[in-house]
Amino acid sequence: MGYYRQTSLTRNLELRTKIIHAIRSFFIERDYLEVETPIRIPAPAPEAHIDAVESGDGFLQASPELCMKRMLAAGIDRIFQICKCFRQGERGRLHLPEMTLLEWYRADSNYLGMMDECEALMNAIARAIGLKEDILIYQGKEIKLTPPWPRISVSEAFEKLASMPLNEALTGDQFDEIMVEKIEPNLAQNRPVFLYDYPACRAALARLKPQDLQFAERFELYIGGLEICNAFSELTDPVEQRERFERENDQRHKAGKPIYPLPQKFLTALGNMPAAAGNALGIDRLVMLFSDSKQIDDVVAFTPEEL
């Protein structure tokens, strides 16, 4: 028998199976309904920096959020899904154009409650795979998973770690560059860290903070220097959401990118959606962490180049 890369990945693929099983058990025990929604959709959520993959007269989903939120609007208050998502041109040590995503939504919750649930999920996975003393070793770093985890606002992160104030970075269109070069690598490495309260212009589908409309109720979780998930208190105002989609399409047009049709049925349903929190978590990166893998190729059975 010849050499196959997959043979060397057996342990990581077995660990991946255990992690996915632990995720399902966690949510089912908490009375979540596992759902399946279409991968091929007529319109993605327009975002300036995410390019959808065309499929005939539709698109492959970049996220299942549009259909899942329609299910919330229909009265199903706790749902989760593990599915394939697709993004054009994303390839690198931490990126695949076809990735596996865990997405979950909970009615009558917000991003603070979602942080608590993230901590509980990670610790449930650690127990399920036999991690000792809540200590994760990733690339030589010892990371303690015992909650509560540190929480730092984006404003605080810029004050402590950035080369310029937040407002100046936004005005000079340097926010993303500083996040990648200055802030993400310098967040605490011995604990998971929640980075929260993103500027309103980076709200995506999150609602703005009622007490300070300059910021959105959004967080990202970083463990061992890796961004693991992106979560919101969900925006439920269809008028505001339509305006945001139109602004994102304007930015796409200015950048010479295709303009996406608006997801009209989602916008119609949004008016019936209850207050909720949602989270999108990258399964591939999660397996990287727990398997101590440096690159995403080491936790998937096939890379795009092998097909």
C-alpha atoms as a PDB file:
ATOM      1  CA  MET A   1       0.000   0.000   0.000  1.00  0.00           C
ATOM      2  CA  GLY A   2       1.363   3.454  -0.915  1.00  0.00           C
ATOM      3  CA  TYR A   3       1.612   6.438   1.385  1.00  0.00           C
ATOM      4  CA  TYR A   4      -1.499   8.515   1.851  1.00  0.00           C
ATOM      5  CA  ARG A   5      -1.582  11.757   3.814  1.00  0.00           C
ATOM      6  CA  GLN A   6      -4.865  10.688   5.387  1.00  0.00           C
ATOM      7  CA  THR A   7      -3.133   7.762   7.121  1.00  0.00           C
ATOM      8  CA  SER A   8      -0.941  10.152   9.105  1.00  0.00           C
ATOM      9  CA  LEU A   9      -4.041  12.088  10.188  1.00  0.00           C
ATOM     10  CA  THR A  10      -5.904   9.164  11.743  1.00  0.00           C
ATOM     11  CA  ARG A  11      -5.480  10.367  15.334  1.00  0.00           C
ATOM     12  CA  ASN A  12      -6.599  13.898  14.475  1.00  0.00           C
ATOM     13  CA  LEU A  13      -9.604  12.611  12.544  1.00  0.00           C
ATOM     14  CA  GLU A  14     -10.572  10.359  15.453  1.00  0.00           C
ATOM     15  CA  LEU A  15     -10.297  13.365  17.776  1.00  0.00           C
ATOM     16  CA  ARG A  16     -12.431  15.386  15.375  1.00  0.00           C
ATOM     17  CA  THR A  17     -15.154  12.742  15.630  1.00  0.00           C
ATOM     18  CA  LYS A  18     -15.046  12.847  19.452  1.00  0.00           C
ATOM     19  CA  ILE A  19     -15.274  16.652  19.449  1.00  0.00           C
ATOM     20  CA  ILE A  20     -18.276  16.701  17.110  1.00  0.00           C
ATOM     21  CA  HIS A  21     -19.979  14.030  19.223  1.00  0.00           C
ATOM     22  CA  ALA A  22     -19.304  16.103  22.377  1.00  0.00           C
ATOM     23  CA  ILE A  23     -20.779  19.201  20.715  1.00  0.00           C
ATOM     24  CA  ARG A  24     -23.966  17.352  19.779  1.00  0.00           C
ATOM     25  CA  SER A  25     -24.312  15.904  23.266  1.00  0.00           C
ATOM     26  CA  PHE A  26     -23.819  19.333  24.850  1.00  0.00           C
ATOM     27  CA  PHE A  27     -26.607  20.977  22.879  1.00  0.00           C
ATOM     28  CA  ILE A  28     -29.054  18.082  22.998  1.00  0.00           C
ATOM     29  CA  GLU A  29     -28.688  17.927  26.780  1.00  0.00           C
ATOM     30  CA  ARG A  30     -29.583  21.640  26.843  1.00  0.00           C
ATOM     31  CA  ASP A  31     -32.786  21.079  24.839  1.00  0.00           C
ATOM     32  CA  TYR A  32     -31.483  22.476  21.566  1.00  0.00           C
ATOM     33  CA  LEU A  33     -32.942  21.163  18.327  1.00  0.00           C
ATOM     34  CA  GLU A  34     -30.400  20.085  15.720  1.00  0.00           C
ATOM     35  CA  VAL A  35     -31.489  21.453  12.333  1.00  0.00           C
ATOM     36  CA  GLU A  36     -30.441  21.188   8.702  1.00  0.00           C
ATOM     37  CA  THR A  37     -30.955  24.100   6.345  1.00  0.00           C
ATOM     38  CA  PRO A  38     -30.174  24.358   2.600  1.00  0.00           C
ATOM     39  CA  ILE A  39     -26.531  24.820   1.630  1.00  0.00           C
ATOM     40  CA  ARG A  40     -27.491  26.376  -1.709  1.00  0.00           C
ATOM     41  CA  ILE A  41     -29.426  29.620  -1.220  1.00  0.00           C
ATOM     42  CA  PRO A  42     -30.787  32.360  -3.537  1.00  0.00           C
ATOM     43  CA  ALA A  43     -29.025  35.234  -1.736  1.00  0.00           C
ATOM     44  CA  PRO A  44     -26.235  35.470   0.839  1.00  0.00           C
ATOM     45  CA  ALA A  45     -26.016  38.114   3.547  1.00  0.00           C
ATOM     46  CA  PRO A  46     -24.107  40.919   1.779  1.00  0.00           C
ATOM     47  CA  GLU A  47     -20.790  41.600   3.513  1.00  0.00           C
ATOM     48  CA  ALA A  48     -18.032  43.728   2.025  1.00  0.00           C
ATOM     49  CA  HIS A  49     -15.191  41.364   2.914  1.00  0.00           C
ATOM     50  CA  ILE A  50     -16.835  37.954   2.411  1.00  0.00           C
ATOM     51  CA  ASP A  51     -17.172  36.689  -1.156  1.00  0.00           C
ATOM     52  CA  ALA A  52     -19.822  34.029  -1.730  1.00  0.00           C
ATOM     53  CA  VAL A  53     -19.354  31.059  -4.059  1.00  0.00           C
ATOM     54  CA  GLU A  54     -21.806  31.105  -6.961  1.00  0.00           C
ATOM     55  CA  SER A  55     -23.809  27.942  -7.676  1.00  0.00           C
ATOM     56  CA  GLY A  56     -25.966  28.128 -10.783  1.00  0.00           C
ATOM     57  CA  ASP A  57     -28.447  30.930 -10.208  1.00  0.00           C
ATOM     58  CA  GLY A  58     -27.780  30.879  -6.452  1.00  0.00           C
ATOM     59  CA  PHE A  59     -24.929  30.748  -3.959  1.00  0.00           C
ATOM     60  CA  LEU A  60     -23.350  28.279  -1.570  1.00  0.00           C
ATOM     61  CA  GLN A  61     -23.892  29.519   1.967  1.00  0.00           C
ATOM     62  CA  ALA A  62     -21.111  31.394   3.754  1.00  0.00           C
ATOM     63  CA  SER A  63     -23.122  30.781   6.922  1.00  0.00           C
ATOM     64  CA  PRO A  64     -26.484  29.148   7.707  1.00  0.00           C
ATOM     65  CA  GLU A  65     -27.622  32.198   9.684  1.00  0.00           C
ATOM     66  CA  LEU A  66     -30.316  33.492   7.340  1.00  0.00           C
ATOM     67  CA  CYS A  67     -32.343  30.278   7.352  1.00  0.00           C
ATOM     68  CA  MET A  68     -31.667  29.583  11.027  1.00  0.00           C
ATOM     69  CA  LYS A  69     -32.952  33.007  12.047  1.00  0.00           C
ATOM     70  CA  ARG A  70     -36.086  32.390  10.027  1.00  0.00           C
ATOM     71  CA  MET A  71     -36.582  29.311  12.206  1.00  0.00           C
ATOM     72  CA  LEU A  72     -36.244  31.494  15.319  1.00  0.00           C
ATOM     73  CA  ALA A  73     -38.863  33.804  13.831  1.00  0.00           C
ATOM     74  CA  ALA A  74     -41.109  30.747  13.386  1.00  0.00           C
ATOM     75  CA  GLY A  75     -40.977  30.133  17.143  1.00  0.00           C
ATOM     76  CA  ILE A  76     -38.229  27.487  17.513  1.00  0.00           C
ATOM     77  CA  ASP A  77     -36.204  29.011  20.319  1.00  0.00           C
ATOM     78  CA  ARG A  78     -33.046  26.853  20.612  1.00  0.00           C
ATOM     79  CA  ILE A  79     -31.346  25.502  17.507  1.00  0.00           C
ATOM     80  CA  PHE A  80     -27.901  24.364  16.429  1.00  0.00           C
ATOM     81  CA  GLN A  81     -26.329  23.093  13.230  1.00  0.00           C
ATOM     82  CA  ILE A  82     -22.997  21.606  12.144  1.00  0.00           C
ATOM     83  CA  CYS A  83     -22.602  22.217   8.427  1.00  0.00           C
ATOM     84  CA  LYS A  84     -20.371  23.033   5.496  1.00  0.00           C
ATOM     85  CA  CYS A  85     -19.887  26.682   4.550  1.00  0.00           C
ATOM     86  CA  PHE A  86     -18.075  28.203   1.586  1.00  0.00           C
ATOM     87  CA  ARG A  87     -16.108  31.402   1.017  1.00  0.00           C
ATOM     88  CA  GLN A  88     -14.445  32.411  -2.210  1.00  0.00           C
ATOM     89  CA  GLY A  89     -10.676  32.776  -2.190  1.00  0.00           C
ATOM     90  CA  GLU A  90     -10.057  31.910   1.467  1.00  0.00           C
ATOM     91  CA  ARG A  91      -6.983  29.694   1.665  1.00  0.00           C
ATOM     92  CA  GLY A  92      -4.069  29.712   4.061  1.00  0.00           C
ATOM     93  CA  ARG A  93      -2.673  28.182   7.228  1.00  0.00           C
ATOM     94  CA  LEU A  94      -5.928  28.948   9.059  1.00  0.00           C
ATOM     95  CA  HIS A  95      -8.378  29.143   6.159  1.00  0.00           C
ATOM     96  CA  LEU A  96     -10.183  26.802   3.796  1.00  0.00           C
ATOM     97  CA  PRO A  97     -12.641  27.776   1.054  1.00  0.00           C
ATOM     98  CA  GLU A  98     -14.877  24.952   2.341  1.00  0.00           C
ATOM     99  CA  MET A  99     -15.058  24.826   6.126  1.00  0.00           C
ATOM    100  CA  THR A 100     -17.118  23.143   8.812  1.00  0.00           C
ATOM    101  CA  LEU A 101     -19.082  25.519  11.012  1.00  0.00           C
ATOM    102  CA  LEU A 102     -21.040  25.087  14.220  1.00  0.00           C
ATOM    103  CA  GLU A 103     -23.768  27.696  14.468  1.00  0.00           C
ATOM    104  CA  TRP A 104     -26.287  28.023  17.273  1.00  0.00           C
ATOM    105  CA  TYR A 105     -29.027  30.420  18.333  1.00  0.00           C
ATOM    106  CA  ARG A 106     -30.916  30.918  21.555  1.00  0.00           C
ATOM    107  CA  ALA A 107     -33.985  33.115  21.983  1.00  0.00           C
ATOM    108  CA  ASP A 108     -34.285  35.425  24.996  1.00  0.00           C
ATOM    109  CA  SER A 109     -30.512  35.599  25.372  1.00  0.00           C
ATOM    110  CA  ASN A 110     -27.748  38.087  24.560  1.00  0.00           C
ATOM    111  CA  TYR A 111     -24.029  38.139  23.880  1.00  0.00           C
ATOM    112  CA  LEU A 112     -23.150  38.061  27.581  1.00  0.00           C
ATOM    113  CA  GLY A 113     -25.147  34.869  28.074  1.00  0.00           C
ATOM    114  CA  MET A 114     -23.496  33.507  24.927  1.00  0.00           C
ATOM    115  CA  MET A 115     -20.060  34.047  26.492  1.00  0.00           C
ATOM    116  CA  ASP A 116     -21.113  31.889  29.440  1.00  0.00           C
ATOM    117  CA  GLU A 117     -22.369  29.196  27.076  1.00  0.00           C
ATOM    118  CA  CYS A 118     -19.070  29.268  25.146  1.00  0.00           C
ATOM    119  CA  GLU A 119     -17.157  28.600  28.352  1.00  0.00           C
ATOM    120  CA  ALA A 120     -19.469  25.722  29.212  1.00  0.00           C
ATOM    121  CA  LEU A 121     -19.196  24.205  25.713  1.00  0.00           C
ATOM    122  CA  MET A 122     -15.397  24.298  25.662  1.00  0.00           C
ATOM    123  CA  ASN A 123     -15.131  22.704  29.062  1.00  0.00           C
ATOM    124  CA  ALA A 124     -17.658  20.001  28.099  1.00  0.00           C
ATOM    125  CA  ILE A 125     -15.515  19.175  25.054  1.00  0.00           C
ATOM    126  CA  ALA A 126     -12.356  19.110  27.187  1.00  0.00           C
ATOM    127  CA  ARG A 127     -13.977  16.623  29.593  1.00  0.00           C
ATOM    128  CA  ALA A 128     -15.317  14.471  26.763  1.00  0.00           C
ATOM    129  CA  ILE A 129     -11.889  14.023  25.183  1.00  0.00           C
ATOM    130  CA  GLY A 130     -10.169  13.391  28.511  1.00  0.00           C
ATOM    131  CA  LEU A 131      -8.234  16.644  28.887  1.00  0.00           C
ATOM    132  CA  LYS A 132      -6.538  16.680  32.288  1.00  0.00           C
ATOM    133  CA  GLU A 133      -7.071  19.480  34.827  1.00  0.00           C
ATOM    134  CA  ASP A 134      -8.646  21.817  32.265  1.00  0.00           C
ATOM    135  CA  ILE A 135      -5.206  22.512  30.791  1.00  0.00           C
ATOM    136  CA  LEU A 136      -4.852  22.718  27.004  1.00  0.00           C
ATOM    137  CA  ILE A 137      -1.379  22.662  25.480  1.00  0.00           C
ATOM    138  CA  TYR A 138      -1.238  24.440  22.129  1.00  0.00           C
ATOM    139  CA  GLN A 139       2.020  25.065  20.281  1.00  0.00           C
ATOM    140  CA  GLY A 140       3.998  25.067  23.503  1.00  0.00           C
ATOM    141  CA  LYS A 141       1.548  27.319  25.347  1.00  0.00           C
ATOM    142  CA  GLU A 142      -0.279  26.112  28.458  1.00  0.00           C
ATOM    143  CA  ILE A 143      -3.859  27.427  28.373  1.00  0.00           C
ATOM    144  CA  LYS A 144      -6.126  27.130  31.405  1.00  0.00           C
ATOM    145  CA  LEU A 145      -9.767  26.600  30.404  1.00  0.00           C
ATOM    146  CA  THR A 146     -11.344  26.990  33.856  1.00  0.00           C
ATOM    147  CA  PRO A 147     -13.992  29.762  33.710  1.00  0.00           C
ATOM    148  CA  PRO A 148     -14.567  32.635  33.983  1.00  0.00           C
ATOM    149  CA  TRP A 149     -12.370  33.769  31.106  1.00  0.00           C
ATOM    150  CA  PRO A 150     -10.983  37.304  30.696  1.00  0.00           C
ATOM    151  CA  ARG A 151     -13.190  39.740  28.800  1.00  0.00           C
ATOM    152  CA  ILE A 152     -11.707  42.837  27.180  1.00  0.00           C
ATOM    153  CA  SER A 153     -13.509  45.421  25.073  1.00  0.00           C
ATOM    154  CA  VAL A 154     -12.145  46.426  21.690  1.00  0.00           C
ATOM    155  CA  SER A 155     -11.668  49.968  23.040  1.00  0.00           C
ATOM    156  CA  GLU A 156      -9.575  48.672  25.946  1.00  0.00           C
ATOM    157  CA  ALA A 157      -7.560  46.469  23.596  1.00  0.00           C
ATOM    158  CA  PHE A 158      -6.699  49.450  21.413  1.00  0.00           C
ATOM    159  CA  GLU A 159      -5.706  51.523  24.449  1.00  0.00           C
ATOM    160  CA  LYS A 160      -3.387  48.818  25.771  1.00  0.00           C
ATOM    161  CA  LEU A 161      -2.015  47.151  22.654  1.00  0.00           C
ATOM    162  CA  ALA A 162      -2.475  49.281  19.539  1.00  0.00           C
ATOM    163  CA  SER A 163      -0.233  51.862  17.945  1.00  0.00           C
ATOM    164  CA  MET A 164      -3.059  54.390  17.620  1.00  0.00           C
ATOM    165  CA  PRO A 165      -6.484  55.155  19.187  1.00  0.00           C
ATOM    166  CA  LEU A 166      -9.527  53.231  17.971  1.00  0.00           C
ATOM    167  CA  ASN A 167     -11.197  56.258  16.355  1.00  0.00           C
ATOM    168  CA  GLU A 168      -8.017  57.109  14.453  1.00  0.00           C
ATOM    169  CA  ALA A 169      -7.705  53.527  13.222  1.00  0.00           C
ATOM    170  CA  LEU A 170     -11.288  53.569  11.961  1.00  0.00           C
ATOM    171  CA  THR A 171     -10.904  56.948  10.270  1.00  0.00           C
ATOM    172  CA  GLY A 172      -7.691  55.846   8.556  1.00  0.00           C
ATOM    173  CA  ASP A 173      -9.141  52.481   7.512  1.00  0.00           C
ATOM    174  CA  GLN A 174      -6.503  50.656   9.586  1.00  0.00           C
ATOM    175  CA  PHE A 175      -8.781  48.834  12.023  1.00  0.00           C
ATOM    176  CA  ASP A 176      -8.385  45.374  10.489  1.00  0.00           C
ATOM    177  CA  GLU A 177      -4.632  45.773  10.002  1.00  0.00           C
ATOM    178  CA  ILE A 178      -4.068  46.752  13.641  1.00  0.00           C
ATOM    179  CA  MET A 179      -6.335  43.977  14.880  1.00  0.00           C
ATOM    180  CA  VAL A 180      -4.294  41.375  13.001  1.00  0.00           C
ATOM    181  CA  GLU A 181      -0.819  42.794  13.630  1.00  0.00           C
ATOM    182  CA  LYS A 182      -1.032  44.351  17.102  1.00  0.00           C
ATOM    183  CA  ILE A 183      -4.021  43.131  19.061  1.00  0.00           C
ATOM    184  CA  GLU A 184      -4.743  39.480  18.217  1.00  0.00           C
ATOM    185  CA  PRO A 185      -1.110  38.299  18.708  1.00  0.00           C
ATOM    186  CA  ASN A 186      -0.827  40.126  22.038  1.00  0.00           C
ATOM    187  CA  LEU A 187      -4.012  39.026  23.785  1.00  0.00           C
ATOM    188  CA  ALA A 188      -3.395  36.886  26.878  1.00  0.00           C
ATOM    189  CA  GLN A 189      -1.980  33.547  25.745  1.00  0.00           C
ATOM    190  CA  ASN A 190      -2.487  31.538  28.958  1.00  0.00           C
ATOM    191  CA  ARG A 191      -6.294  31.932  29.013  1.00  0.00           C
ATOM    192  CA  PRO A 192      -9.049  32.087  26.419  1.00  0.00           C
ATOM    193  CA  VAL A 193     -10.056  35.722  25.884  1.00  0.00           C
ATOM    194  CA  PHE A 194     -13.346  37.304  24.829  1.00  0.00           C
ATOM    195  CA  LEU A 195     -12.862  40.473  22.756  1.00  0.00           C
ATOM    196  CA  TYR A 196     -16.184  42.310  22.828  1.00  0.00           C
ATOM    197  CA  ASP A 197     -18.072  45.520  21.960  1.00  0.00           C
ATOM    198  CA  TYR A 198     -16.947  46.049  18.375  1.00  0.00           C
ATOM    199  CA  PRO A 199     -17.344  49.454  16.688  1.00  0.00           C
ATOM    200  CA  ALA A 200     -20.774  49.990  15.153  1.00  0.00           C
ATOM    201  CA  CYS A 201     -19.260  49.984  11.650  1.00  0.00           C
ATOM    202  CA  ARG A 202     -18.136  46.386  12.338  1.00  0.00           C
ATOM    203  CA  ALA A 203     -21.500  45.284  13.708  1.00  0.00           C
ATOM    204  CA  ALA A 204     -22.315  42.844  10.879  1.00  0.00           C
ATOM    205  CA  LEU A 205     -25.684  41.380  11.962  1.00  0.00           C
ATOM    206  CA  ALA A 206     -25.339  42.373  15.637  1.00  0.00           C
ATOM    207  CA  ARG A 207     -27.556  44.871  17.404  1.00  0.00           C
ATOM    208  CA  LEU A 208     -26.036  48.103  18.677  1.00  0.00           C
ATOM    209  CA  LYS A 209     -25.621  48.676  22.414  1.00  0.00           C
ATOM    210  CA  PRO A 210     -28.705  50.629  23.563  1.00  0.00           C
ATOM    211  CA  GLN A 211     -26.620  52.626  26.056  1.00  0.00           C
ATOM    212  CA  ASP A 212     -23.896  53.487  23.522  1.00  0.00           C
ATOM    213  CA  LEU A 213     -24.733  53.288  19.825  1.00  0.00           C
ATOM    214  CA  GLN A 214     -21.072  53.649  18.858  1.00  0.00           C
ATOM    215  CA  PHE A 215     -20.602  49.965  19.671  1.00  0.00           C
ATOM    216  CA  ALA A 216     -22.230  46.654  18.779  1.00  0.00           C
ATOM    217  CA  GLU A 217     -23.019  43.708  21.057  1.00  0.00           C
ATOM    218  CA  ARG A 218     -20.570  41.421  19.316  1.00  0.00           C
ATOM    219  CA  PHE A 219     -17.660  39.316  20.560  1.00  0.00           C
ATOM    220  CA  GLU A 220     -14.960  37.045  19.213  1.00  0.00           C
ATOM    221  CA  LEU A 221     -13.270  34.310  21.222  1.00  0.00           C
ATOM    222  CA  TYR A 222      -9.499  33.845  20.983  1.00  0.00           C
ATOM    223  CA  ILE A 223      -7.691  30.776  22.296  1.00  0.00           C
ATOM    224  CA  GLY A 224      -3.963  30.302  21.808  1.00  0.00           C
ATOM    225  CA  GLY A 225      -3.921  33.196  19.352  1.00  0.00           C
ATOM    226  CA  LEU A 226      -6.629  31.649  17.150  1.00  0.00           C
ATOM    227  CA  GLU A 227      -9.989  33.279  16.516  1.00  0.00           C
ATOM    228  CA  ILE A 228     -12.462  30.501  17.322  1.00  0.00           C
ATOM    229  CA  CYS A 229     -15.903  32.073  17.084  1.00  0.00           C
ATOM    230  CA  ASN A 230     -17.883  35.202  16.277  1.00  0.00           C
ATOM    231  CA  ALA A 231     -21.082  35.919  18.222  1.00  0.00           C
ATOM    232  CA  PHE A 232     -23.778  38.578  18.533  1.00  0.00           C
ATOM    233  CA  SER A 233     -26.810  39.800  20.307  1.00  0.00           C
ATOM    234  CA  GLU A 234     -28.844  39.593  17.121  1.00  0.00           C
ATOM    235  CA  LEU A 235     -30.271  42.576  15.292  1.00  0.00           C
ATOM    236  CA  THR A 236     -34.041  42.115  14.889  1.00  0.00           C
ATOM    237  CA  ASP A 237     -34.953  45.389  13.150  1.00  0.00           C
ATOM    238  CA  PRO A 238     -35.604  44.626   9.451  1.00  0.00           C
ATOM    239  CA  VAL A 239     -35.334  48.287   8.406  1.00  0.00           C
ATOM    240  CA  GLU A 240     -31.918  48.733   9.987  1.00  0.00           C
ATOM    241  CA  GLN A 241     -30.763  45.367   8.663  1.00  0.00           C
ATOM    242  CA  ARG A 242     -31.807  46.284   5.117  1.00  0.00           C
ATOM    243  CA  GLU A 243     -29.878  49.566   5.395  1.00  0.00           C
ATOM    244  CA  ARG A 244     -26.774  47.682   6.577  1.00  0.00           C
ATOM    245  CA  PHE A 245     -27.008  45.208   3.698  1.00  0.00           C
ATOM    246  CA  GLU A 246     -27.301  48.095   1.247  1.00  0.00           C
ATOM    247  CA  ARG A 247     -24.228  49.785   2.755  1.00  0.00           C
ATOM    248  CA  GLU A 248     -22.268  46.534   2.477  1.00  0.00           C
ATOM    249  CA  ASN A 249     -23.276  46.234  -1.176  1.00  0.00           C
ATOM    250  CA  ASP A 250     -22.186  49.850  -1.749  1.00  0.00           C
ATOM    251  CA  GLN A 251     -18.755  48.952  -0.349  1.00  0.00           C
ATOM    252  CA  ARG A 252     -18.620  45.884  -2.582  1.00  0.00           C
ATOM    253  CA  HIS A 253     -19.441  48.037  -5.606  1.00  0.00           C
ATOM    254  CA  LYS A 254     -16.708  50.568  -4.728  1.00  0.00           C
ATOM    255  CA  ALA A 255     -14.222  47.690  -4.389  1.00  0.00           C
ATOM    256  CA  GLY A 256     -15.188  46.332  -7.816  1.00  0.00           C
ATOM    257  CA  LYS A 257     -16.883  43.261  -6.355  1.00  0.00           C
ATOM    258  CA  PRO A 258     -20.247  41.750  -7.380  1.00  0.00           C
ATOM    259  CA  ILE A 259     -23.329  43.148  -5.673  1.00  0.00           C
ATOM    260  CA  TYR A 260     -25.503  40.495  -4.045  1.00  0.00           C
ATOM    261  CA  PRO A 261     -29.291  40.366  -4.144  1.00  0.00           C
ATOM    262  CA  LEU A 262     -30.915  41.140  -0.819  1.00  0.00           C
ATOM    263  CA  PRO A 263     -32.351  38.135   1.079  1.00  0.00           C
ATOM    264  CA  GLN A 264     -35.931  39.395   0.995  1.00  0.00           C
ATOM    265  CA  LYS A 265     -37.589  36.462   2.777  1.00  0.00           C
ATOM    266  CA  PHE A 266     -35.116  36.751   5.628  1.00  0.00           C
ATOM    267  CA  LEU A 267     -35.780  40.481   5.949  1.00  0.00           C
ATOM    268  CA  THR A 268     -39.543  39.840   5.992  1.00  0.00           C
ATOM    269  CA  ALA A 269     -39.192  37.214   8.731  1.00  0.00           C
ATOM    270  CA  LEU A 270     -36.811  39.318  10.810  1.00  0.00           C
ATOM    271  CA  GLY A 271     -39.652  41.456  12.149  1.00  0.00           C
ATOM    272  CA  ASN A 272     -41.027  38.361  13.927  1.00  0.00           C
ATOM    273  CA  MET A 273     -37.707  37.211  15.358  1.00  0.00           C
ATOM    274  CA  PRO A 274     -37.423  37.392  19.163  1.00  0.00           C
ATOM    275  CA  ALA A 275     -34.461  38.892  20.987  1.00  0.00           C
ATOM    276  CA  ALA A 276     -31.724  36.275  20.644  1.00  0.00           C
ATOM    277  CA  ALA A 277     -28.023  35.536  20.664  1.00  0.00           C
ATOM    278  CA  GLY A 278     -26.165  33.603  17.978  1.00  0.00           C
ATOM    279  CA  ASN A 279     -22.693  32.175  17.556  1.00  0.00           C
ATOM    280  CA  ALA A 280     -20.634  30.855  14.628  1.00  0.00           C
ATOM    281  CA  LEU A 281     -17.732  28.625  15.679  1.00  0.00           C
ATOM    282  CA  GLY A 282     -15.123  27.115  13.366  1.00  0.00           C
ATOM    283  CA  ILE A 283     -14.934  23.348  13.916  1.00  0.00           C
ATOM    284  CA  ASP A 284     -11.701  23.025  11.945  1.00  0.00           C
ATOM    285  CA  ARG A 285      -9.872  25.541  14.122  1.00  0.00           C
ATOM    286  CA  LEU A 286     -11.337  23.983  17.241  1.00  0.00           C
ATOM    287  CA  VAL A 287      -9.850  20.626  16.238  1.00  0.00           C
ATOM    288  CA  MET A 288      -6.551  22.390  15.528  1.00  0.00           C
ATOM    289  CA  LEU A 289      -6.500  23.579  19.129  1.00  0.00           C
ATOM    290  CA  PHE A 290      -7.320  20.280  20.772  1.00  0.00           C
ATOM    291  CA  SER A 291      -4.972  18.314  18.490  1.00  0.00           C
ATOM    292  CA  ASP A 292      -2.133  20.851  18.836  1.00  0.00           C
ATOM    293  CA  SER A 293      -1.985  21.304  15.064  1.00  0.00           C
ATOM    294  CA  LYS A 294      -0.269  24.310  13.532  1.00  0.00           C
ATOM    295  CA  GLN A 295      -2.175  24.323  10.249  1.00  0.00           C
ATOM    296  CA  ILE A 296      -5.738  23.621   9.247  1.00  0.00           C
ATOM    297  CA  ASP A 297      -4.665  21.037   6.649  1.00  0.00           C
ATOM    298  CA  ASP A 298      -3.788  18.658   9.491  1.00  0.00           C
ATOM    299  CA  VAL A 299      -7.391  18.341  10.732  1.00  0.00           C
ATOM    300  CA  VAL A 300      -9.292  17.725   7.464  1.00  0.00           C
ATOM    301  CA  ALA A 301      -9.340  14.537   5.402  1.00  0.00           C
ATOM    302  CA  PHE A 302      -8.877  16.365   2.099  1.00  0.00           C
ATOM    303  CA  THR A 303      -7.511  19.778   1.196  1.00  0.00           C
ATOM    304  CA  PRO A 304      -8.713  21.583  -1.949  1.00  0.00           C
ATOM    305  CA  GLU A 305      -5.419  20.815  -3.666  1.00  0.00           C
ATOM    306  CA  GLU A 306      -5.923  17.048  -3.219  1.00  0.00           C
ATOM    307  CA  LEU A 307      -9.264  16.908  -5.009  1.00  0.00           C
END
